[in-house]
């Protein structure tokens, strides 16, 4: 295992530094903004700015890399990320923070895609799963460490903005000094909503709503925690525990979803999330222990829903298209991420901290209602026709290149149009491959 990791250690170090700085950046903004008296609506718009930049980065970064190369593009992304956090330290005002945050979102997406492209290029069929697993653990540990480091100092001065900028700059060093040849071009995704909808309406609706829910929480969780009176250390834990709980919960939830109708697994997970939502709204807990326990339950549910949705969509996808389907769903998730923080910020401004969970309640109720309606109309995919559930990093930190890196051996290779089966799918000679025959009725979306 060590022998396999040594060649990619520089890339993992660069990714860890990038995510560590991102953890600081993502937490210091709502904490400092709240201390400066920013409204919840303004803080929500900062999250919307990030999501807009991140989606744009996923779409534009492949073109930039094609024009100037991986190393130069990665250096530019890290440099502009450092510039963005320094601008936010110098101009402490919502009108400056919102557009600048979109720049950091763009840079973060581009830099992450480049690291993942390099890892994908170095992976072999025998090491792909291990590399993706280690990469996921490194990212989770780095983000958590960055967020927790904010609790160790003063958040009302320049310190953590400067630390974030320094680490962003340090993140470019490992790849800049790498002697490895540049990898293949980055994975690009063209969003085709009609094709996604034909493949799985449940996946499209649910992933959009999960984007609203998860981005709302990711942007405004620290604001909620601060306004209910938690200490700075507890605020950092309130933001970190859900991500870790979600990562751990994916294993048993994924095991269950492989053996039952994934839509029912999605509904059950959304019910758990809704239960936590209602506890936050109706009980309005004030103690540290109660808030951290509830948010752990909440995170275990909300961060496990995305991989269930992706697995469900891939159960219905024609062979050889799982990267396109997963990448398209990631873009739909990004669109929900743009809307979510805006809605949650407005709700918190009107009704107070519990407005965050009123927003997530709406998203989770809609997921449950729409999925149950689809269950009533269509049968589930047989167990022996399902794709394997794959553990995923939080979707807000994922890119199209993450999808390619996490793909199985066959899907990781360049996609080719499969030759038609001479006997056809139903045993008739030379059956033409129309949309109906390419997607058998037993695999139509439930």
Protein backbone atom coordinates (compact mmCIF):
# COMPACT_ATOMS: atom_id res chain seq x y z
CA UNK A 1 0.00 0.00 0.00
CA UNK A 2 2.81 2.42 0.91
CA UNK A 3 4.54 1.67 -2.39
CA UNK A 4 1.37 2.65 -4.24
CA UNK A 5 0.98 5.93 -2.34
CA UNK A 6 4.56 7.21 -2.62
CA UNK A 7 4.22 8.29 -6.30
CA UNK A 8 1.09 10.30 -5.52
CA UNK A 9 2.17 11.67 -2.14
CA UNK A 10 2.89 15.13 -3.58
CA UNK A 11 -0.60 15.31 -5.08
CA UNK A 12 -2.21 14.17 -1.82
CA UNK A 13 -0.20 16.79 0.07
CA UNK A 14 -1.28 19.51 -2.35
CA UNK A 15 -4.91 18.41 -1.99
CA UNK A 16 -4.64 18.34 1.81
CA UNK A 17 -3.22 21.86 1.93
CA UNK A 18 -5.91 23.10 -0.44
CA UNK A 19 -8.70 21.54 1.66
CA UNK A 20 -7.16 22.74 4.93
CA UNK A 21 -7.19 26.31 3.65
CA UNK A 22 -10.69 25.77 2.29
CA UNK A 23 -11.85 24.60 5.73
CA UNK A 24 -10.51 27.78 7.31
CA UNK A 25 -11.97 29.96 4.56
CA UNK A 26 -15.40 28.36 4.69
CA UNK A 27 -15.76 28.79 8.47
CA UNK A 28 -14.07 32.11 9.09
CA UNK A 29 -16.43 33.97 6.74
CA UNK A 30 -19.72 33.19 8.54
CA UNK A 31 -18.10 33.53 11.97
CA UNK A 32 -16.50 36.89 11.18
CA UNK A 33 -19.52 38.04 9.20
CA UNK A 34 -21.83 37.31 12.14
CA UNK A 35 -19.48 39.19 14.48
CA UNK A 36 -19.60 42.17 12.11
CA UNK A 37 -23.41 42.15 12.11
CA UNK A 38 -24.00 40.82 8.59
CA UNK A 39 -27.60 39.73 8.03
CA UNK A 40 -28.39 36.06 7.46
CA UNK A 41 -29.51 36.96 3.93
CA UNK A 42 -26.10 38.46 3.17
CA UNK A 43 -24.31 35.44 4.59
CA UNK A 44 -26.54 33.18 2.51
CA UNK A 45 -25.64 35.14 -0.61
CA UNK A 46 -21.98 34.47 0.17
CA UNK A 47 -22.77 30.76 -0.09
CA UNK A 48 -24.68 31.36 -3.31
CA UNK A 49 -21.64 33.18 -4.71
CA UNK A 50 -19.44 30.20 -3.83
CA UNK A 51 -21.82 27.77 -5.57
CA UNK A 52 -22.00 29.90 -8.73
CA UNK A 53 -18.22 30.07 -8.90
CA UNK A 54 -17.85 26.36 -8.19
CA UNK A 55 -20.24 25.31 -10.96
CA UNK A 56 -18.55 27.73 -13.37
CA UNK A 57 -15.15 26.31 -12.41
CA UNK A 58 -16.29 22.75 -13.15
CA UNK A 59 -17.41 23.87 -16.62
CA UNK A 60 -14.55 26.22 -17.54
CA UNK A 61 -11.49 24.60 -15.95
CA UNK A 62 -11.09 21.91 -18.65
CA UNK A 63 -10.76 24.64 -21.28
CA UNK A 64 -8.17 26.55 -19.25
CA UNK A 65 -6.10 23.42 -18.71
CA UNK A 66 -6.32 22.64 -22.42
CA UNK A 67 -4.98 26.11 -23.22
CA UNK A 68 -2.09 26.50 -20.73
CA UNK A 69 -1.58 23.15 -19.03
CA UNK A 70 -2.20 21.60 -15.64
CA UNK A 71 0.63 23.10 -13.58
CA UNK A 72 0.14 26.69 -14.72
CA UNK A 73 -3.63 26.52 -14.26
CA UNK A 74 -3.27 24.99 -10.80
CA UNK A 75 -0.84 27.74 -9.79
CA UNK A 76 -3.25 30.43 -11.00
CA UNK A 77 -6.15 28.84 -9.11
CA UNK A 78 -4.22 28.69 -5.83
CA UNK A 79 -2.95 32.25 -6.28
CA UNK A 80 -6.40 33.69 -6.91
CA UNK A 81 -7.84 31.72 -3.99
CA UNK A 82 -5.21 33.35 -1.77
CA UNK A 83 -5.99 36.75 -3.26
CA UNK A 84 -9.70 36.28 -2.61
CA UNK A 85 -9.31 35.54 1.09
CA UNK A 86 -6.95 38.50 1.48
CA UNK A 87 -9.43 40.84 -0.22
CA UNK A 88 -12.09 39.65 2.21
CA UNK A 89 -9.76 40.44 5.10
CA UNK A 90 -9.16 43.97 3.78
CA UNK A 91 -12.77 44.81 2.82
CA UNK A 92 -15.12 43.48 5.48
CA UNK A 93 -18.44 44.15 3.78
CA UNK A 94 -21.09 41.93 2.16
CA UNK A 95 -20.93 43.77 -1.17
CA UNK A 96 -17.27 42.76 -1.48
CA UNK A 97 -17.44 39.31 0.05
CA UNK A 98 -20.24 37.94 -2.16
CA UNK A 99 -18.57 38.36 -5.60
CA UNK A 100 -15.10 37.57 -4.24
CA UNK A 101 -16.43 34.33 -2.76
CA UNK A 102 -17.52 33.29 -6.25
CA UNK A 103 -13.89 33.72 -7.36
CA UNK A 104 -12.69 31.40 -4.59
CA UNK A 105 -15.39 28.86 -5.53
CA UNK A 106 -14.21 28.95 -9.15
CA UNK A 107 -10.57 28.50 -8.12
CA UNK A 108 -11.34 25.72 -5.69
CA UNK A 109 -13.24 23.72 -8.30
CA UNK A 110 -10.48 24.14 -10.88
CA UNK A 111 -7.67 23.24 -8.48
CA UNK A 112 -9.52 20.20 -7.17
CA UNK A 113 -10.21 18.97 -10.72
CA UNK A 114 -6.54 19.21 -11.62
CA UNK A 115 -5.40 17.22 -8.57
CA UNK A 116 -8.06 14.59 -9.24
CA UNK A 117 -7.12 14.41 -12.91
CA UNK A 118 -3.52 13.70 -11.93
CA UNK A 119 -4.60 11.02 -9.45
CA UNK A 120 -6.90 9.50 -12.07
CA UNK A 121 -4.05 9.36 -14.54
CA UNK A 122 -1.75 7.62 -12.05
CA UNK A 123 -4.40 5.10 -10.97
CA UNK A 124 -4.54 1.59 -12.39
CA UNK A 125 -7.51 -0.79 -12.30
CA UNK A 126 -5.95 -2.50 -9.28
CA UNK A 127 -5.22 0.68 -7.32
CA UNK A 128 -8.11 2.97 -8.30
CA UNK A 129 -10.31 2.07 -5.35
CA UNK A 130 -7.47 2.43 -2.83
CA UNK A 131 -6.36 5.77 -4.26
CA UNK A 132 -9.89 7.17 -4.17
CA UNK A 133 -10.36 5.89 -0.61
CA UNK A 134 -7.14 7.49 0.62
CA UNK A 135 -7.92 10.70 -1.26
CA UNK A 136 -11.36 10.85 0.38
CA UNK A 137 -9.92 10.32 3.87
CA UNK A 138 -7.23 12.95 3.30
CA UNK A 139 -9.83 15.47 2.16
CA UNK A 140 -12.16 14.86 5.12
CA UNK A 141 -9.29 15.06 7.60
CA UNK A 142 -7.92 18.25 6.02
CA UNK A 143 -11.28 20.04 5.96
CA UNK A 144 -11.99 19.05 9.56
CA UNK A 145 -8.54 20.17 10.70
CA UNK A 146 -8.96 23.50 8.92
CA UNK A 147 -12.33 24.13 10.53
CA UNK A 148 -11.18 23.10 14.00
CA UNK A 149 -8.07 25.29 13.77
CA UNK A 150 -10.36 28.35 13.71
CA UNK A 151 -11.32 27.59 17.32
CA UNK A 152 -7.70 28.00 18.45
CA UNK A 153 -7.39 31.76 17.94
CA UNK A 154 -9.14 35.10 17.58
CA UNK A 155 -11.56 35.37 14.67
CA UNK A 156 -12.05 39.13 14.73
CA UNK A 157 -8.69 40.09 13.26
CA UNK A 158 -6.50 39.34 10.24
CA UNK A 159 -4.89 36.14 11.57
CA UNK A 160 -6.94 33.34 10.04
CA UNK A 161 -7.36 35.16 6.74
CA UNK A 162 -3.56 35.36 6.52
CA UNK A 163 -3.13 31.70 7.50
CA UNK A 164 -5.64 30.66 4.86
CA UNK A 165 -3.80 32.68 2.20
CA UNK A 166 -0.45 31.19 3.21
CA UNK A 167 -1.74 27.62 3.01
CA UNK A 168 -3.45 28.28 -0.34
CA UNK A 169 -0.05 29.39 -1.70
CA UNK A 170 1.72 26.40 -0.16
CA UNK A 171 -0.76 24.08 -1.89
CA UNK A 172 0.72 24.89 -5.29
CA UNK A 173 4.27 23.89 -4.29
CA UNK A 174 3.93 20.06 -4.49
CA UNK A 175 2.51 20.10 -8.01
CA UNK A 176 4.86 22.87 -9.17
CA UNK A 177 7.86 20.75 -8.13
CA UNK A 178 6.41 17.52 -9.49
CA UNK A 179 8.40 15.82 -12.24
CA UNK A 180 5.42 13.77 -13.39
CA UNK A 181 4.16 14.24 -16.91
CA UNK A 182 0.92 16.18 -17.25
CA UNK A 183 -2.11 13.88 -17.25
CA UNK A 184 -4.82 13.51 -19.82
CA UNK A 185 -7.29 16.39 -20.37
CA UNK A 186 -9.82 17.06 -17.65
CA UNK A 187 -13.25 15.46 -17.68
CA UNK A 188 -15.90 17.86 -18.92
CA UNK A 189 -19.64 17.45 -18.51
CA UNK A 190 -22.43 18.74 -20.73
CA UNK A 191 -25.65 19.05 -18.78
CA UNK A 192 -28.55 17.40 -20.60
CA UNK A 193 -31.62 17.83 -18.36
CA UNK A 194 -33.99 15.96 -20.68
CA UNK A 195 -31.73 12.89 -20.84
CA UNK A 196 -31.30 12.94 -17.05
CA UNK A 197 -35.06 13.22 -16.57
CA UNK A 198 -35.77 10.33 -18.95
CA UNK A 199 -33.22 8.25 -17.10
CA UNK A 200 -34.56 8.96 -13.60
CA UNK A 201 -37.00 11.69 -12.52
CA UNK A 202 -36.46 10.73 -8.86
CA UNK A 203 -32.73 11.34 -9.14
CA UNK A 204 -33.14 14.75 -10.82
CA UNK A 205 -35.70 16.10 -8.34
CA UNK A 206 -34.03 14.61 -5.27
CA UNK A 207 -30.50 15.74 -6.13
CA UNK A 208 -31.71 19.30 -6.76
CA UNK A 209 -33.47 19.35 -3.38
CA UNK A 210 -30.46 17.79 -1.65
CA UNK A 211 -28.37 20.58 -3.17
CA UNK A 212 -30.72 23.12 -1.59
CA UNK A 213 -30.61 21.39 1.79
CA UNK A 214 -26.90 20.58 2.00
CA UNK A 215 -25.68 23.92 0.68
CA UNK A 216 -27.99 25.79 3.05
CA UNK A 217 -26.54 23.89 5.98
CA UNK A 218 -22.95 24.06 4.75
CA UNK A 219 -23.15 27.83 4.36
CA UNK A 220 -25.18 28.82 7.41
CA UNK A 221 -24.55 26.12 10.03
CA UNK A 222 -21.94 28.28 11.74
CA UNK A 223 -24.35 31.23 11.73
CA UNK A 224 -27.06 29.10 13.34
CA UNK A 225 -24.65 27.74 15.96
CA UNK A 226 -23.42 31.22 16.83
CA UNK A 227 -26.90 32.65 17.16
CA UNK A 228 -28.08 29.93 19.55
CA UNK A 229 -25.16 30.76 21.82
CA UNK A 230 -22.56 28.05 21.15
CA UNK A 231 -18.88 28.77 21.80
CA UNK A 232 -16.35 29.03 18.99
CA UNK A 233 -15.10 25.48 19.58
CA UNK A 234 -18.67 24.16 19.54
CA UNK A 235 -19.36 26.11 16.33
CA UNK A 236 -16.39 24.41 14.66
CA UNK A 237 -17.64 21.02 15.88
CA UNK A 238 -21.17 21.85 14.70
CA UNK A 239 -19.77 22.35 11.19
CA UNK A 240 -17.38 19.37 11.22
CA UNK A 241 -19.30 16.55 12.95
CA UNK A 242 -22.04 16.28 10.27
CA UNK A 243 -19.53 15.70 7.46
CA UNK A 244 -17.73 12.97 9.40
CA UNK A 245 -21.03 11.39 10.45
CA UNK A 246 -22.20 11.43 6.84
CA UNK A 247 -19.02 9.70 5.69
CA UNK A 248 -19.43 6.94 8.30
CA UNK A 249 -23.16 6.49 7.65
CA UNK A 250 -22.65 5.84 3.94
CA UNK A 251 -21.30 2.33 4.58
CA UNK A 252 -24.36 0.81 6.33
CA UNK A 253 -26.83 2.87 4.29
CA UNK A 254 -25.14 1.84 1.05
CA UNK A 255 -25.16 -1.83 2.15
CA UNK A 256 -28.90 -1.61 2.81
CA UNK A 257 -29.67 0.22 -0.45
CA UNK A 258 -27.91 -2.51 -2.46
CA UNK A 259 -30.40 -5.03 -1.06
CA UNK A 260 -33.66 -3.09 -1.28
CA UNK A 261 -35.41 -0.52 -3.42
CA UNK A 262 -33.04 2.45 -3.33
CA UNK A 263 -36.00 4.80 -3.38
CA UNK A 264 -37.15 3.34 -0.07
CA UNK A 265 -33.63 3.79 1.32
CA UNK A 266 -33.74 7.41 0.14
CA UNK A 267 -37.13 7.96 1.79
CA UNK A 268 -35.94 6.39 5.07
CA UNK A 269 -32.80 8.55 5.09
CA UNK A 270 -34.85 11.68 4.34
CA UNK A 271 -37.21 10.79 7.21
CA UNK A 272 -34.23 10.66 9.58
CA UNK A 273 -33.11 14.07 8.29
CA UNK A 274 -36.64 15.42 8.67
CA UNK A 275 -36.79 14.14 12.25
CA UNK A 276 -33.61 16.06 13.07
CA UNK A 277 -35.02 19.14 11.28
CA UNK A 278 -38.17 19.04 13.41
CA UNK A 279 -36.17 18.61 16.62
CA UNK A 280 -34.12 21.72 15.82
CA UNK A 281 -37.26 23.74 15.06
CA UNK A 282 -39.65 22.48 17.74
CA UNK A 283 -37.23 21.87 20.61
CA UNK A 284 -34.87 24.78 19.83
CA UNK A 285 -32.01 23.14 21.79
CA UNK A 286 -29.57 25.49 23.48
CA UNK A 287 -27.08 23.13 25.14
CA UNK A 288 -23.88 22.12 23.40
CA UNK A 289 -24.51 18.38 23.88
CA UNK A 290 -28.03 18.47 22.44
CA UNK A 291 -27.03 20.53 19.41
CA UNK A 292 -24.01 18.35 18.60
CA UNK A 293 -25.98 15.12 19.00
CA UNK A 294 -28.78 16.34 16.75
CA UNK A 295 -26.44 17.73 14.13
CA UNK A 296 -24.57 14.41 14.03
CA UNK A 297 -27.85 12.63 13.25
CA UNK A 298 -28.71 15.31 10.71
CA UNK A 299 -25.33 15.04 8.96
CA UNK A 300 -25.45 11.24 8.86
CA UNK A 301 -28.68 11.54 6.88
CA UNK A 302 -28.14 14.50 4.57
CA UNK A 303 -24.63 13.53 3.44
CA UNK A 304 -25.68 9.94 2.73
CA UNK A 305 -28.54 10.89 0.41
CA UNK A 306 -26.41 12.06 -2.51
CA UNK A 307 -24.62 8.72 -3.13
CA UNK A 308 -27.97 6.87 -2.84
CA UNK A 309 -29.38 9.15 -5.55
CA UNK A 310 -26.37 8.64 -7.83
CA UNK A 311 -26.51 4.87 -7.37
CA UNK A 312 -30.25 4.90 -8.14
CA UNK A 313 -29.68 6.90 -11.34
CA UNK A 314 -26.89 4.56 -12.44
CA UNK A 315 -29.17 1.56 -11.87
CA UNK A 316 -31.22 2.91 -14.80
CA UNK A 317 -28.40 4.28 -16.96
CA UNK A 318 -27.52 2.54 -20.25
CA UNK A 319 -24.16 0.71 -20.14
CA UNK A 320 -21.12 2.95 -20.46
CA UNK A 321 -22.86 6.19 -19.44
CA UNK A 322 -22.48 6.29 -15.65
CA UNK A 323 -19.85 9.06 -15.79
CA UNK A 324 -22.16 11.26 -17.87
CA UNK A 325 -25.13 10.54 -15.57
CA UNK A 326 -23.17 11.12 -12.36
CA UNK A 327 -21.57 14.26 -13.76
CA UNK A 328 -24.92 15.61 -14.90
CA UNK A 329 -26.43 15.01 -11.47
CA UNK A 330 -23.48 16.84 -9.94
CA UNK A 331 -24.33 19.88 -12.05
CA UNK A 332 -28.00 19.69 -10.99
CA UNK A 333 -26.82 19.49 -7.39
CA UNK A 334 -24.79 22.63 -8.05
CA UNK A 335 -27.87 24.47 -9.28
CA UNK A 336 -29.66 23.55 -6.06
CA UNK A 337 -26.60 24.74 -4.13
CA UNK A 338 -26.97 28.16 -5.74
CA UNK A 339 -30.57 28.51 -4.62
CA UNK A 340 -30.37 26.92 -1.17
CA UNK A 341 -28.23 29.43 0.79
CA UNK A 342 -30.26 32.32 -0.65
CA UNK A 343 -33.56 30.81 0.52
CA UNK A 344 -32.21 29.79 3.92
CA UNK A 345 -30.63 33.19 4.51
CA UNK A 346 -33.91 34.93 3.75
CA UNK A 347 -35.77 32.55 6.05
CA UNK A 348 -33.31 33.10 8.90
CA UNK A 349 -33.63 36.85 8.50
CA UNK A 350 -37.42 36.58 8.84
CA UNK A 351 -37.84 34.00 11.62
CA UNK A 352 -34.45 33.66 13.30
CA UNK A 353 -31.92 30.78 13.51
CA UNK A 354 -34.57 28.08 13.12
CA UNK A 355 -35.22 29.42 9.62
CA UNK A 356 -32.26 27.31 8.45
CA UNK A 357 -34.03 24.10 9.38
CA UNK A 358 -37.39 25.31 8.13
CA UNK A 359 -35.71 25.49 4.73
CA UNK A 360 -34.30 21.97 5.00
CA UNK A 361 -37.70 20.71 6.21
CA UNK A 362 -39.27 21.89 2.95
CA UNK A 363 -36.57 20.18 0.90
CA UNK A 364 -36.82 16.89 2.77
CA UNK A 365 -40.64 16.81 2.72
CA UNK A 366 -40.57 17.31 -1.05
CA UNK A 367 -38.00 14.51 -1.47
CA UNK A 368 -40.16 12.14 0.57
CA UNK A 369 -43.40 13.09 -1.19
CA UNK A 370 -42.07 12.92 -4.75
CA UNK A 371 -40.20 9.66 -4.17
CA UNK A 372 -43.22 7.96 -2.58
CA UNK A 373 -45.32 9.05 -5.55
CA UNK A 374 -42.83 7.50 -7.97
CA UNK A 375 -42.72 4.30 -5.88
CA UNK A 376 -46.49 4.02 -6.25
CA UNK A 377 -46.22 4.22 -10.03
CA UNK A 378 -43.28 1.98 -10.94
CA UNK A 379 -41.57 -1.19 -9.74
CA UNK A 380 -38.04 -1.26 -8.40
CA UNK A 381 -34.98 -2.41 -10.32
CA UNK A 382 -34.22 -6.10 -9.56
CA UNK A 383 -31.34 -6.54 -7.13
CA UNK A 384 -29.23 -8.47 -9.65
CA UNK A 385 -29.44 -5.57 -12.14
CA UNK A 386 -28.24 -2.89 -9.73
CA UNK A 387 -24.89 -1.15 -9.91
CA UNK A 388 -22.71 -1.23 -6.82
CA UNK A 389 -23.15 1.57 -4.28
CA UNK A 390 -20.04 3.77 -4.03
CA UNK A 391 -19.04 5.85 -1.03
CA UNK A 392 -18.78 9.49 -2.07
CA UNK A 393 -17.12 12.61 -0.74
CA UNK A 394 -19.62 15.39 0.09
CA UNK A 395 -21.10 16.54 -3.21
CA UNK A 396 -20.32 20.19 -2.49
CA UNK A 397 -16.63 19.29 -2.70
CA UNK A 398 -17.01 17.01 -5.74
CA UNK A 399 -16.20 17.79 -9.37
CA UNK A 400 -16.70 15.94 -12.67
CA UNK A 401 -13.13 14.70 -12.24
CA UNK A 402 -14.12 13.18 -8.88
CA UNK A 403 -16.75 11.18 -10.74
CA UNK A 404 -14.13 9.88 -13.16
CA UNK A 405 -11.68 9.05 -10.35
CA UNK A 406 -14.29 7.12 -8.37
CA UNK A 407 -15.57 5.21 -11.40
CA UNK A 408 -15.10 1.49 -11.77
CA UNK A 409 -12.52 -0.04 -14.08
CA UNK A 410 -14.73 -0.13 -17.16
CA UNK A 411 -16.21 3.33 -16.71
CA UNK A 412 -12.78 4.86 -15.99
CA UNK A 413 -11.63 4.04 -19.50
CA UNK A 414 -12.40 6.25 -22.54
CA UNK A 415 -16.03 5.71 -23.43
CA UNK A 416 -16.85 3.83 -26.60
CA UNK A 417 -20.20 3.05 -28.21
CA UNK A 418 -20.87 -0.66 -27.54
CA UNK A 419 -21.51 -2.87 -30.52
CA UNK A 420 -25.09 -4.04 -30.95
CA UNK A 421 -25.86 -7.56 -29.80
CA UNK A 422 -26.60 -9.61 -32.96
CA UNK A 423 -29.39 -11.40 -31.12
CA UNK A 424 -30.86 -8.21 -29.71
CA UNK A 425 -31.84 -7.69 -26.10
CA UNK A 426 -34.95 -9.86 -26.36
CA UNK A 427 -33.57 -12.65 -28.53
CA UNK A 428 -34.88 -11.36 -31.87
CA UNK A 429 -32.39 -11.07 -34.75
CA UNK A 430 -30.82 -7.69 -35.43
CA UNK A 431 -33.10 -5.74 -33.11
CA UNK A 432 -32.62 -2.03 -33.85
CA UNK A 433 -31.23 -0.02 -30.94
CA UNK A 434 -33.90 2.58 -30.33
CA UNK A 435 -34.42 4.43 -27.09
CA UNK A 436 -36.90 1.78 -26.03
CA UNK A 437 -34.62 -1.20 -26.73
CA UNK A 438 -31.56 0.51 -25.31
CA UNK A 439 -33.40 1.04 -22.03
CA UNK A 440 -35.46 -2.08 -21.22
CA UNK A 441 -38.77 -1.64 -19.42
CA UNK A 442 -37.48 -3.44 -16.31
CA UNK A 443 -34.93 -0.67 -15.89
CA UNK A 444 -37.21 2.29 -16.53
CA UNK A 445 -37.21 4.81 -13.75
CA UNK A 446 -39.53 3.90 -10.86
